[in-house]
Amino acid sequence: MTDERQSKSDERISKLSQRFKTHTVGRRPTTARTRERHSFYLDGDLVGRLDRAYREVDHALHPHDVSKSAFLETLMEYGLEHIEEIQALLRAQLDLDNPTS
């Protein structure tokens, strides 16, 4: 690929990627946090439970609005603050899945 074609290709990719750096329709971010898009593969039933819990919390806190990202971040932060309990739960699950006797 020539330098000119490479430059045009890089410019096109850069322009296309700009759409992921701002909110759609020019919305301003609602928090000061820097958010990035990440993909996780999660159990479908767990995601369903999260969706239901989010709707319940959002409804309970009405008239205040809670974004789903703020809800999930709060759950994760709480888990990180209680990491020892999480480790114990994981250890118990691993022990049940892999009995050594």
PDB file of N, CA and C in Angstrom:
ATOM      1  N   MET A   1       0.855  -1.175   0.000  1.00  0.00           N
ATOM      2  CA  MET A   1       0.000   0.000   0.000  1.00  0.00           C
ATOM      3  C   MET A   1       0.900   1.236   0.000  1.00  0.00           C
ATOM      4  N   THR A   2       0.580   2.181  -0.862  1.00  0.00           N
ATOM      5  CA  THR A   2       1.393   3.387  -0.936  1.00  0.00           C
ATOM      6  C   THR A   2       1.130   4.247   0.285  1.00  0.00           C
ATOM      7  N   ASP A   3       2.063   5.181   0.508  1.00  0.00           N
ATOM      8  CA  ASP A   3       1.919   6.074   1.660  1.00  0.00           C
ATOM      9  C   ASP A   3       0.638   6.906   1.564  1.00  0.00           C
ATOM     10  N   GLU A   4       0.298   7.355   0.346  1.00  0.00           N
ATOM     11  CA  GLU A   4      -0.894   8.177   0.169  1.00  0.00           C
ATOM     12  C   GLU A   4      -2.155   7.373   0.483  1.00  0.00           C
ATOM     13  N   ARG A   5      -2.220   6.136  -0.014  1.00  0.00           N
ATOM     14  CA  ARG A   5      -3.382   5.284   0.273  1.00  0.00           C
ATOM     15  C   ARG A   5      -3.449   4.956   1.757  1.00  0.00           C
ATOM     16  N   GLN A   6      -2.296   4.710   2.387  1.00  0.00           N
ATOM     17  CA  GLN A   6      -2.261   4.415   3.816  1.00  0.00           C
ATOM     18  C   GLN A   6      -2.752   5.618   4.616  1.00  0.00           C
ATOM     19  N   SER A   7      -2.318   6.813   4.207  1.00  0.00           N
ATOM     20  CA  SER A   7      -2.727   8.030   4.899  1.00  0.00           C
ATOM     21  C   SER A   7      -4.242   8.236   4.788  1.00  0.00           C
ATOM     22  N   LYS A   8      -4.803   8.035   3.586  1.00  0.00           N
ATOM     23  CA  LYS A   8      -6.245   8.179   3.411  1.00  0.00           C
ATOM     24  C   LYS A   8      -6.996   7.134   4.226  1.00  0.00           C
ATOM     25  N   SER A   9      -6.472   5.940   4.251  1.00  0.00           N
ATOM     26  CA  SER A   9      -7.102   4.871   5.027  1.00  0.00           C
ATOM     27  C   SER A   9      -7.071   5.200   6.511  1.00  0.00           C
ATOM     28  N   ASP A  10      -5.934   5.659   7.022  1.00  0.00           N
ATOM     29  CA  ASP A  10      -5.817   6.050   8.425  1.00  0.00           C
ATOM     30  C   ASP A  10      -6.767   7.191   8.764  1.00  0.00           C
ATOM     31  N   GLU A  11      -6.874   8.165   7.830  1.00  0.00           N
ATOM     32  CA  GLU A  11      -7.761   9.308   8.056  1.00  0.00           C
ATOM     33  C   GLU A  11      -9.214   8.845   8.119  1.00  0.00           C
ATOM     34  N   ARG A  12      -9.597   7.941   7.230  1.00  0.00           N
ATOM     35  CA  ARG A  12     -10.965   7.420   7.212  1.00  0.00           C
ATOM     36  C   ARG A  12     -11.272   6.677   8.513  1.00  0.00           C
ATOM     37  N   ILE A  13     -10.362   5.836   8.951  1.00  0.00           N
ATOM     38  CA  ILE A  13     -10.543   5.082  10.200  1.00  0.00           C
ATOM     39  C   ILE A  13     -10.649   6.039  11.374  1.00  0.00           C
ATOM     40  N   SER A  14      -9.823   7.074  11.391  1.00  0.00           N
ATOM     41  CA  SER A  14      -9.864   8.059  12.467  1.00  0.00           C
ATOM     42  C   SER A  14     -11.215   8.760  12.519  1.00  0.00           C
ATOM     43  N   LYS A  15     -11.731   9.151  11.358  1.00  0.00           N
ATOM     44  CA  LYS A  15     -13.029   9.816  11.316  1.00  0.00           C
ATOM     45  C   LYS A  15     -14.142   8.891  11.781  1.00  0.00           C
ATOM     46  N   LEU A  16     -14.083   7.631  11.358  1.00  0.00           N
ATOM     47  CA  LEU A  16     -15.101   6.676  11.783  1.00  0.00           C
ATOM     48  C   LEU A  16     -15.042   6.428  13.283  1.00  0.00           C
ATOM     49  N   SER A  17     -13.858   6.402  13.853  1.00  0.00           N
ATOM     50  CA  SER A  17     -13.736   6.123  15.283  1.00  0.00           C
ATOM     51  C   SER A  17     -14.171   7.304  16.146  1.00  0.00           C
ATOM     52  N   GLN A  18     -14.250   8.497  15.578  1.00  0.00           N
ATOM     53  CA  GLN A  18     -14.673   9.669  16.333  1.00  0.00           C
ATOM     54  C   GLN A  18     -16.088   9.509  16.880  1.00  0.00           C
ATOM     55  N   ARG A  19     -16.929   8.744  16.174  1.00  0.00           N
ATOM     56  CA  ARG A  19     -18.308   8.586  16.632  1.00  0.00           C
ATOM     57  C   ARG A  19     -18.407   7.849  17.954  1.00  0.00           C
ATOM     58  N   PHE A  20     -17.365   7.118  18.339  1.00  0.00           N
ATOM     59  CA  PHE A  20     -17.377   6.401  19.602  1.00  0.00           C
ATOM     60  C   PHE A  20     -16.812   7.237  20.751  1.00  0.00           C
ATOM     61  N   LYS A  21     -16.352   8.422  20.460  1.00  0.00           N
ATOM     62  CA  LYS A  21     -15.742   9.264  21.488  1.00  0.00           C
ATOM     63  C   LYS A  21     -16.716  10.267  22.082  1.00  0.00           C
ATOM     64  N   THR A  22     -17.878  10.431  21.481  1.00  0.00           N
ATOM     65  CA  THR A  22     -18.882  11.360  22.010  1.00  0.00           C
ATOM     66  C   THR A  22     -20.211  10.632  22.097  1.00  0.00           C
ATOM     67  N   HIS A  23     -21.118  11.187  22.872  1.00  0.00           N
ATOM     68  CA  HIS A  23     -22.444  10.605  22.987  1.00  0.00           C
ATOM     69  C   HIS A  23     -23.220  10.870  21.706  1.00  0.00           C
ATOM     70  N   THR A  24     -24.150  10.006  21.436  1.00  0.00           N
ATOM     71  CA  THR A  24     -25.021  10.172  20.287  1.00  0.00           C
ATOM     72  C   THR A  24     -25.836  11.450  20.436  1.00  0.00           C
ATOM     73  N   VAL A  25     -26.097  12.092  19.361  1.00  0.00           N
ATOM     74  CA  VAL A  25     -26.913  13.302  19.297  1.00  0.00           C
ATOM     75  C   VAL A  25     -26.366  14.397  20.201  1.00  0.00           C
ATOM     76  N   GLY A  26     -25.085  14.389  20.470  1.00  0.00           N
ATOM     77  CA  GLY A  26     -24.450  15.464  21.195  1.00  0.00           C
ATOM     78  C   GLY A  26     -24.772  15.560  22.676  1.00  0.00           C
ATOM     79  N   ARG A  27     -25.300  14.479  23.271  1.00  0.00           N
ATOM     80  CA  ARG A  27     -25.582  14.543  24.712  1.00  0.00           C
ATOM     81  C   ARG A  27     -24.290  14.738  25.489  1.00  0.00           C
ATOM     82  N   ARG A  28     -24.380  15.499  26.547  1.00  0.00           N
ATOM     83  CA  ARG A  28     -23.228  15.675  27.419  1.00  0.00           C
ATOM     84  C   ARG A  28     -23.194  14.537  28.431  1.00  0.00           C
ATOM     85  N   PRO A  29     -21.987  14.078  28.812  1.00  0.00           N
ATOM     86  CA  PRO A  29     -21.908  13.034  29.833  1.00  0.00           C
ATOM     87  C   PRO A  29     -22.560  13.517  31.133  1.00  0.00           C
ATOM     88  N   THR A  30     -23.225  12.596  31.839  1.00  0.00           N
ATOM     89  CA  THR A  30     -23.927  12.985  33.057  1.00  0.00           C
ATOM     90  C   THR A  30     -23.035  12.925  34.292  1.00  0.00           C
ATOM     91  N   THR A  31     -21.855  12.326  34.176  1.00  0.00           N
ATOM     92  CA  THR A  31     -20.943  12.265  35.312  1.00  0.00           C
ATOM     93  C   THR A  31     -19.551  12.684  34.861  1.00  0.00           C
ATOM     94  N   ALA A  32     -18.695  12.912  35.851  1.00  0.00           N
ATOM     95  CA  ALA A  32     -17.322  13.311  35.548  1.00  0.00           C
ATOM     96  C   ALA A  32     -16.436  12.098  35.252  1.00  0.00           C
ATOM     97  N   ARG A  33     -16.976  10.894  35.415  1.00  0.00           N
ATOM     98  CA  ARG A  33     -16.189   9.679  35.183  1.00  0.00           C
ATOM     99  C   ARG A  33     -15.860   9.519  33.706  1.00  0.00           C
ATOM    100  N   THR A  34     -14.720   8.938  33.457  1.00  0.00           N
ATOM    101  CA  THR A  34     -14.353   8.583  32.098  1.00  0.00           C
ATOM    102  C   THR A  34     -14.789   7.151  31.879  1.00  0.00           C
ATOM    103  N   ARG A  35     -15.707   6.957  30.975  1.00  0.00           N
ATOM    104  CA  ARG A  35     -16.231   5.619  30.717  1.00  0.00           C
ATOM    105  C   ARG A  35     -15.678   5.106  29.408  1.00  0.00           C
ATOM    106  N   GLU A  36     -15.426   3.810  29.376  1.00  0.00           N
ATOM    107  CA  GLU A  36     -14.964   3.148  28.169  1.00  0.00           C
ATOM    108  C   GLU A  36     -15.863   1.965  27.889  1.00  0.00           C
ATOM    109  N   ARG A  37     -15.953   1.601  26.654  1.00  0.00           N
ATOM    110  CA  ARG A  37     -16.759   0.437  26.277  1.00  0.00           C
ATOM    111  C   ARG A  37     -15.908  -0.819  26.446  1.00  0.00           C
ATOM    112  N   HIS A  38     -16.489  -1.811  27.138  1.00  0.00           N
ATOM    113  CA  HIS A  38     -15.849  -3.111  27.316  1.00  0.00           C
ATOM    114  C   HIS A  38     -16.889  -4.193  27.077  1.00  0.00           C
ATOM    115  N   SER A  39     -16.443  -5.325  26.595  1.00  0.00           N
ATOM    116  CA  SER A  39     -17.352  -6.448  26.388  1.00  0.00           C
ATOM    117  C   SER A  39     -17.028  -7.542  27.376  1.00  0.00           C
ATOM    118  N   PHE A  40     -18.072  -8.102  27.973  1.00  0.00           N
ATOM    119  CA  PHE A  40     -17.932  -9.215  28.894  1.00  0.00           C
ATOM    120  C   PHE A  40     -18.935 -10.284  28.479  1.00  0.00           C
ATOM    121  N   TYR A  41     -18.543 -11.527  28.598  1.00  0.00           N
ATOM    122  CA  TYR A  41     -19.464 -12.621  28.333  1.00  0.00           C
ATOM    123  C   TYR A  41     -19.979 -13.099  29.680  1.00  0.00           C
ATOM    124  N   LEU A  42     -21.283 -12.889  29.917  1.00  0.00           N
ATOM    125  CA  LEU A  42     -21.895 -13.191  31.200  1.00  0.00           C
ATOM    126  C   LEU A  42     -23.036 -14.179  31.013  1.00  0.00           C
ATOM    127  N   ASP A  43     -23.352 -14.884  32.082  1.00  0.00           N
ATOM    128  CA  ASP A  43     -24.462 -15.813  32.086  1.00  0.00           C
ATOM    129  C   ASP A  43     -25.763 -15.065  31.798  1.00  0.00           C
ATOM    130  N   GLY A  44     -26.581 -15.585  30.904  1.00  0.00           N
ATOM    131  CA  GLY A  44     -27.819 -14.917  30.519  1.00  0.00           C
ATOM    132  C   GLY A  44     -28.783 -14.735  31.680  1.00  0.00           C
ATOM    133  N   ASP A  45     -28.882 -15.740  32.564  1.00  0.00           N
ATOM    134  CA  ASP A  45     -29.771 -15.618  33.717  1.00  0.00           C
ATOM    135  C   ASP A  45     -29.299 -14.517  34.661  1.00  0.00           C
ATOM    136  N   LEU A  46     -27.975 -14.402  34.830  1.00  0.00           N
ATOM    137  CA  LEU A  46     -27.428 -13.347  35.682  1.00  0.00           C
ATOM    138  C   LEU A  46     -27.747 -11.969  35.104  1.00  0.00           C
ATOM    139  N   VAL A  47     -27.606 -11.833  33.798  1.00  0.00           N
ATOM    140  CA  VAL A  47     -27.910 -10.556  33.151  1.00  0.00           C
ATOM    141  C   VAL A  47     -29.395 -10.224  33.326  1.00  0.00           C
ATOM    142  N   GLY A  48     -30.241 -11.229  33.239  1.00  0.00           N
ATOM    143  CA  GLY A  48     -31.669 -11.004  33.479  1.00  0.00           C
ATOM    144  C   GLY A  48     -31.935 -10.538  34.899  1.00  0.00           C
ATOM    145  N   ARG A  49     -31.244 -11.142  35.869  1.00  0.00           N
ATOM    146  CA  ARG A  49     -31.385 -10.710  37.274  1.00  0.00           C
ATOM    147  C   ARG A  49     -30.900  -9.281  37.451  1.00  0.00           C
ATOM    148  N   LEU A  50     -29.780  -8.943  36.805  1.00  0.00           N
ATOM    149  CA  LEU A  50     -29.261  -7.576  36.876  1.00  0.00           C
ATOM    150  C   LEU A  50     -30.263  -6.584  36.289  1.00  0.00           C
ATOM    151  N   ASP A  51     -30.850  -6.933  35.156  1.00  0.00           N
ATOM    152  CA  ASP A  51     -31.840  -6.043  34.524  1.00  0.00           C
ATOM    153  C   ASP A  51     -33.027  -5.813  35.443  1.00  0.00           C
ATOM    154  N   ARG A  52     -33.537  -6.892  36.045  1.00  0.00           N
ATOM    155  CA  ARG A  52     -34.682  -6.754  36.950  1.00  0.00           C
ATOM    156  C   ARG A  52     -34.313  -5.930  38.182  1.00  0.00           C
ATOM    157  N   ALA A  53     -33.134  -6.203  38.750  1.00  0.00           N
ATOM    158  CA  ALA A  53     -32.692  -5.456  39.935  1.00  0.00           C
ATOM    159  C   ALA A  53     -32.523  -3.979  39.596  1.00  0.00           C
ATOM    160  N   TYR A  54     -31.960  -3.680  38.424  1.00  0.00           N
ATOM    161  CA  TYR A  54     -31.788  -2.287  38.012  1.00  0.00           C
ATOM    162  C   TYR A  54     -33.143  -1.584  37.923  1.00  0.00           C
ATOM    163  N   ARG A  55     -34.117  -2.231  37.274  1.00  0.00           N
ATOM    164  CA  ARG A  55     -35.443  -1.611  37.150  1.00  0.00           C
ATOM    165  C   ARG A  55     -36.069  -1.374  38.520  1.00  0.00           C
ATOM    166  N   GLU A  56     -35.909  -2.339  39.436  1.00  0.00           N
ATOM    167  CA  GLU A  56     -36.468  -2.183  40.783  1.00  0.00           C
ATOM    168  C   GLU A  56     -35.812  -1.016  41.529  1.00  0.00           C
ATOM    169  N   VAL A  57     -34.484  -0.925  41.428  1.00  0.00           N
ATOM    170  CA  VAL A  57     -33.768   0.163  42.112  1.00  0.00           C
ATOM    171  C   VAL A  57     -34.138   1.506  41.493  1.00  0.00           C
ATOM    172  N   ASP A  58     -34.168   1.565  40.179  1.00  0.00           N
ATOM    173  CA  ASP A  58     -34.521   2.815  39.502  1.00  0.00           C
ATOM    174  C   ASP A  58     -35.928   3.248  39.903  1.00  0.00           C
ATOM    175  N   HIS A  59     -36.845   2.304  39.986  1.00  0.00           N
ATOM    176  CA  HIS A  59     -38.222   2.616  40.393  1.00  0.00           C
ATOM    177  C   HIS A  59     -38.270   3.073  41.855  1.00  0.00           C
ATOM    178  N   ALA A  60     -37.520   2.381  42.725  1.00  0.00           N
ATOM    179  CA  ALA A  60     -37.531   2.720  44.156  1.00  0.00           C
ATOM    180  C   ALA A  60     -36.952   4.109  44.420  1.00  0.00           C
ATOM    181  N   LEU A  61     -36.027   4.542  43.579  1.00  0.00           N
ATOM    182  CA  LEU A  61     -35.384   5.845  43.780  1.00  0.00           C
ATOM    183  C   LEU A  61     -36.076   6.975  43.016  1.00  0.00           C
ATOM    184  N   HIS A  62     -37.181   6.663  42.368  1.00  0.00           N
ATOM    185  CA  HIS A  62     -37.944   7.676  41.640  1.00  0.00           C
ATOM    186  C   HIS A  62     -38.334   8.810  42.588  1.00  0.00           C
ATOM    187  N   PRO A  63     -38.227  10.041  42.270  1.00  0.00           N
ATOM    188  CA  PRO A  63     -38.108  10.643  40.953  1.00  0.00           C
ATOM    189  C   PRO A  63     -36.663  10.813  40.470  1.00  0.00           C
ATOM    190  N   HIS A  64     -35.701  10.346  41.210  1.00  0.00           N
ATOM    191  CA  HIS A  64     -34.308  10.443  40.768  1.00  0.00           C
ATOM    192  C   HIS A  64     -34.042   9.392  39.701  1.00  0.00           C
ATOM    193  N   ASP A  65     -33.175   9.727  38.771  1.00  0.00           N
ATOM    194  CA  ASP A  65     -32.806   8.785  37.722  1.00  0.00           C
ATOM    195  C   ASP A  65     -31.453   8.172  38.037  1.00  0.00           C
ATOM    196  N   VAL A  66     -31.362   6.871  37.872  1.00  0.00           N
ATOM    197  CA  VAL A  66     -30.105   6.147  38.042  1.00  0.00           C
ATOM    198  C   VAL A  66     -29.795   5.490  36.705  1.00  0.00           C
ATOM    199  N   SER A  67     -28.631   5.802  36.139  1.00  0.00           N
ATOM    200  CA  SER A  67     -28.267   5.162  34.877  1.00  0.00           C
ATOM    201  C   SER A  67     -27.848   3.726  35.153  1.00  0.00           C
ATOM    202  N   LYS A  68     -28.010   2.895  34.148  1.00  0.00           N
ATOM    203  CA  LYS A  68     -27.635   1.495  34.308  1.00  0.00           C
ATOM    204  C   LYS A  68     -26.138   1.369  34.552  1.00  0.00           C
ATOM    205  N   SER A  69     -25.345   2.205  33.914  1.00  0.00           N
ATOM    206  CA  SER A  69     -23.899   2.141  34.130  1.00  0.00           C
ATOM    207  C   SER A  69     -23.553   2.525  35.564  1.00  0.00           C
ATOM    208  N   ALA A  70     -24.224   3.533  36.118  1.00  0.00           N
ATOM    209  CA  ALA A  70     -23.974   3.915  37.517  1.00  0.00           C
ATOM    210  C   ALA A  70     -24.382   2.781  38.455  1.00  0.00           C
ATOM    211  N   PHE A  71     -25.494   2.129  38.148  1.00  0.00           N
ATOM    212  CA  PHE A  71     -25.951   0.995  38.949  1.00  0.00           C
ATOM    213  C   PHE A  71     -24.913  -0.134  38.935  1.00  0.00           C
ATOM    214  N   LEU A  72     -24.454  -0.513  37.746  1.00  0.00           N
ATOM    215  CA  LEU A  72     -23.474  -1.602  37.632  1.00  0.00           C
ATOM    216  C   LEU A  72     -22.133  -1.220  38.257  1.00  0.00           C
ATOM    217  N   GLU A  73     -21.708   0.022  38.080  1.00  0.00           N
ATOM    218  CA  GLU A  73     -20.454   0.475  38.696  1.00  0.00           C
ATOM    219  C   GLU A  73     -20.550   0.412  40.213  1.00  0.00           C
ATOM    220  N   THR A  74     -21.693   0.782  40.766  1.00  0.00           N
ATOM    221  CA  THR A  74     -21.881   0.740  42.212  1.00  0.00           C
ATOM    222  C   THR A  74     -21.817  -0.696  42.720  1.00  0.00           C
ATOM    223  N   LEU A  75     -22.452  -1.620  41.988  1.00  0.00           N
ATOM    224  CA  LEU A  75     -22.372  -3.033  42.362  1.00  0.00           C
ATOM    225  C   LEU A  75     -20.920  -3.529  42.348  1.00  0.00           C
ATOM    226  N   MET A  76     -20.188  -3.172  41.314  1.00  0.00           N
ATOM    227  CA  MET A  76     -18.791  -3.606  41.202  1.00  0.00           C
ATOM    228  C   MET A  76     -17.924  -2.985  42.297  1.00  0.00           C
ATOM    229  N   GLU A  77     -18.132  -1.696  42.557  1.00  0.00           N
ATOM    230  CA  GLU A  77     -17.358  -1.031  43.609  1.00  0.00           C
ATOM    231  C   GLU A  77     -17.633  -1.669  44.969  1.00  0.00           C
ATOM    232  N   TYR A  78     -18.897  -1.982  45.233  1.00  0.00           N
ATOM    233  CA  TYR A  78     -19.254  -2.643  46.489  1.00  0.00           C
ATOM    234  C   TYR A  78     -18.555  -4.002  46.583  1.00  0.00           C
ATOM    235  N   GLY A  79     -18.567  -4.738  45.490  1.00  0.00           N
ATOM    236  CA  GLY A  79     -17.874  -6.025  45.464  1.00  0.00           C
ATOM    237  C   GLY A  79     -16.385  -5.880  45.726  1.00  0.00           C
ATOM    238  N   LEU A  80     -15.767  -4.872  45.143  1.00  0.00           N
ATOM    239  CA  LEU A  80     -14.337  -4.660  45.362  1.00  0.00           C
ATOM    240  C   LEU A  80     -14.038  -4.263  46.806  1.00  0.00           C
ATOM    241  N   GLU A  81     -14.964  -3.527  47.416  1.00  0.00           N
ATOM    242  CA  GLU A  81     -14.786  -3.152  48.823  1.00  0.00           C
ATOM    243  C   GLU A  81     -14.973  -4.347  49.754  1.00  0.00           C
ATOM    244  N   HIS A  82     -15.588  -5.397  49.262  1.00  0.00           N
ATOM    245  CA  HIS A  82     -15.832  -6.615  50.048  1.00  0.00           C
ATOM    246  C   HIS A  82     -15.179  -7.816  49.373  1.00  0.00           C
ATOM    247  N   ILE A  83     -13.961  -7.608  48.886  1.00  0.00           N
ATOM    248  CA  ILE A  83     -13.265  -8.626  48.088  1.00  0.00           C
ATOM    249  C   ILE A  83     -13.015  -9.915  48.868  1.00  0.00           C
ATOM    250  N   GLU A  84     -12.794  -9.811  50.193  1.00  0.00           N
ATOM    251  CA  GLU A  84     -12.551 -11.023  50.979  1.00  0.00           C
ATOM    252  C   GLU A  84     -13.781 -11.926  50.960  1.00  0.00           C
ATOM    253  N   GLU A  85     -14.962 -11.326  51.060  1.00  0.00           N
ATOM    254  CA  GLU A  85     -16.200 -12.108  51.008  1.00  0.00           C
ATOM    255  C   GLU A  85     -16.387 -12.727  49.623  1.00  0.00           C
ATOM    256  N   ILE A  86     -16.020 -11.986  48.598  1.00  0.00           N
ATOM    257  CA  ILE A  86     -16.114 -12.497  47.225  1.00  0.00           C
ATOM    258  C   ILE A  86     -15.182 -13.691  47.055  1.00  0.00           C
ATOM    259  N   GLN A  87     -13.960 -13.565  47.582  1.00  0.00           N
ATOM    260  CA  GLN A  87     -13.008 -14.668  47.499  1.00  0.00           C
ATOM    261  C   GLN A  87     -13.546 -15.907  48.209  1.00  0.00           C
ATOM    262  N   ALA A  88     -14.161 -15.721  49.376  1.00  0.00           N
ATOM    263  CA  ALA A  88     -14.722 -16.850  50.117  1.00  0.00           C
ATOM    264  C   ALA A  88     -15.840 -17.517  49.314  1.00  0.00           C
ATOM    265  N   LEU A  89     -16.685 -16.710  48.681  1.00  0.00           N
ATOM    266  CA  LEU A  89     -17.749 -17.265  47.851  1.00  0.00           C
ATOM    267  C   LEU A  89     -17.185 -18.046  46.666  1.00  0.00           C
ATOM    268  N   LEU A  90     -16.180 -17.483  46.027  1.00  0.00           N
ATOM    269  CA  LEU A  90     -15.553 -18.163  44.893  1.00  0.00           C
ATOM    270  C   LEU A  90     -14.851 -19.447  45.334  1.00  0.00           C
ATOM    271  N   ARG A  91     -14.162 -19.370  46.467  1.00  0.00           N
ATOM    272  CA  ARG A  91     -13.473 -20.552  46.995  1.00  0.00           C
ATOM    273  C   ARG A  91     -14.474 -21.666  47.290  1.00  0.00           C
ATOM    274  N   ALA A  92     -15.605 -21.311  47.914  1.00  0.00           N
ATOM    275  CA  ALA A  92     -16.636 -22.305  48.209  1.00  0.00           C
ATOM    276  C   ALA A  92     -17.193 -22.900  46.920  1.00  0.00           C
ATOM    277  N   GLN A  93     -17.402 -22.056  45.910  1.00  0.00           N
ATOM    278  CA  GLN A  93     -17.908 -22.550  44.634  1.00  0.00           C
ATOM    279  C   GLN A  93     -16.901 -23.480  43.975  1.00  0.00           C
ATOM    280  N   LEU A  94     -15.625 -23.115  44.028  1.00  0.00           N
ATOM    281  CA  LEU A  94     -14.583 -23.970  43.440  1.00  0.00           C
ATOM    282  C   LEU A  94     -14.481 -25.298  44.183  1.00  0.00           C
ATOM    283  N   ASP A  95     -14.630 -25.262  45.498  1.00  0.00           N
ATOM    284  CA  ASP A  95     -14.585 -26.491  46.293  1.00  0.00           C
ATOM    285  C   ASP A  95     -15.745 -27.414  45.941  1.00  0.00           C
ATOM    286  N   LEU A  96     -16.915 -26.828  45.683  1.00  0.00           N
ATOM    287  CA  LEU A  96     -18.074 -27.631  45.298  1.00  0.00           C
ATOM    288  C   LEU A  96     -17.898 -28.224  43.906  1.00  0.00           C
ATOM    289  N   ASP A  97     -17.283 -27.458  43.013  1.00  0.00           N
ATOM    290  CA  ASP A  97     -17.096 -27.916  41.628  1.00  0.00           C
ATOM    291  C   ASP A  97     -15.982 -28.951  41.512  1.00  0.00           C
ATOM    292  N   ASN A  98     -14.964 -28.857  42.378  1.00  0.00           N
ATOM    293  CA  ASN A  98     -13.800 -29.727  42.275  1.00  0.00           C
ATOM    294  C   ASN A  98     -13.477 -30.378  43.620  1.00  0.00           C
ATOM    295  N   PRO A  99     -14.305 -31.327  44.070  1.00  0.00           N
ATOM    296  CA  PRO A  99     -13.992 -31.972  45.357  1.00  0.00           C
ATOM    297  C   PRO A  99     -12.687 -32.767  45.231  1.00  0.00           C
ATOM    298  N   THR A 100     -11.838 -32.637  46.244  1.00  0.00           N
ATOM    299  CA  THR A 100     -10.523 -33.299  46.194  1.00  0.00           C
ATOM    300  C   THR A 100     -10.548 -34.700  46.771  1.00  0.00           C
ATOM    301  N   SER A 101     -11.612 -35.085  47.451  1.00  0.00           N
ATOM    302  CA  SER A 101     -11.623 -36.423  48.061  1.00  0.00           C
ATOM    303  C   SER A 101     -12.243 -37.455  47.169  1.00  0.00           C
TER     304      SER A 101
END
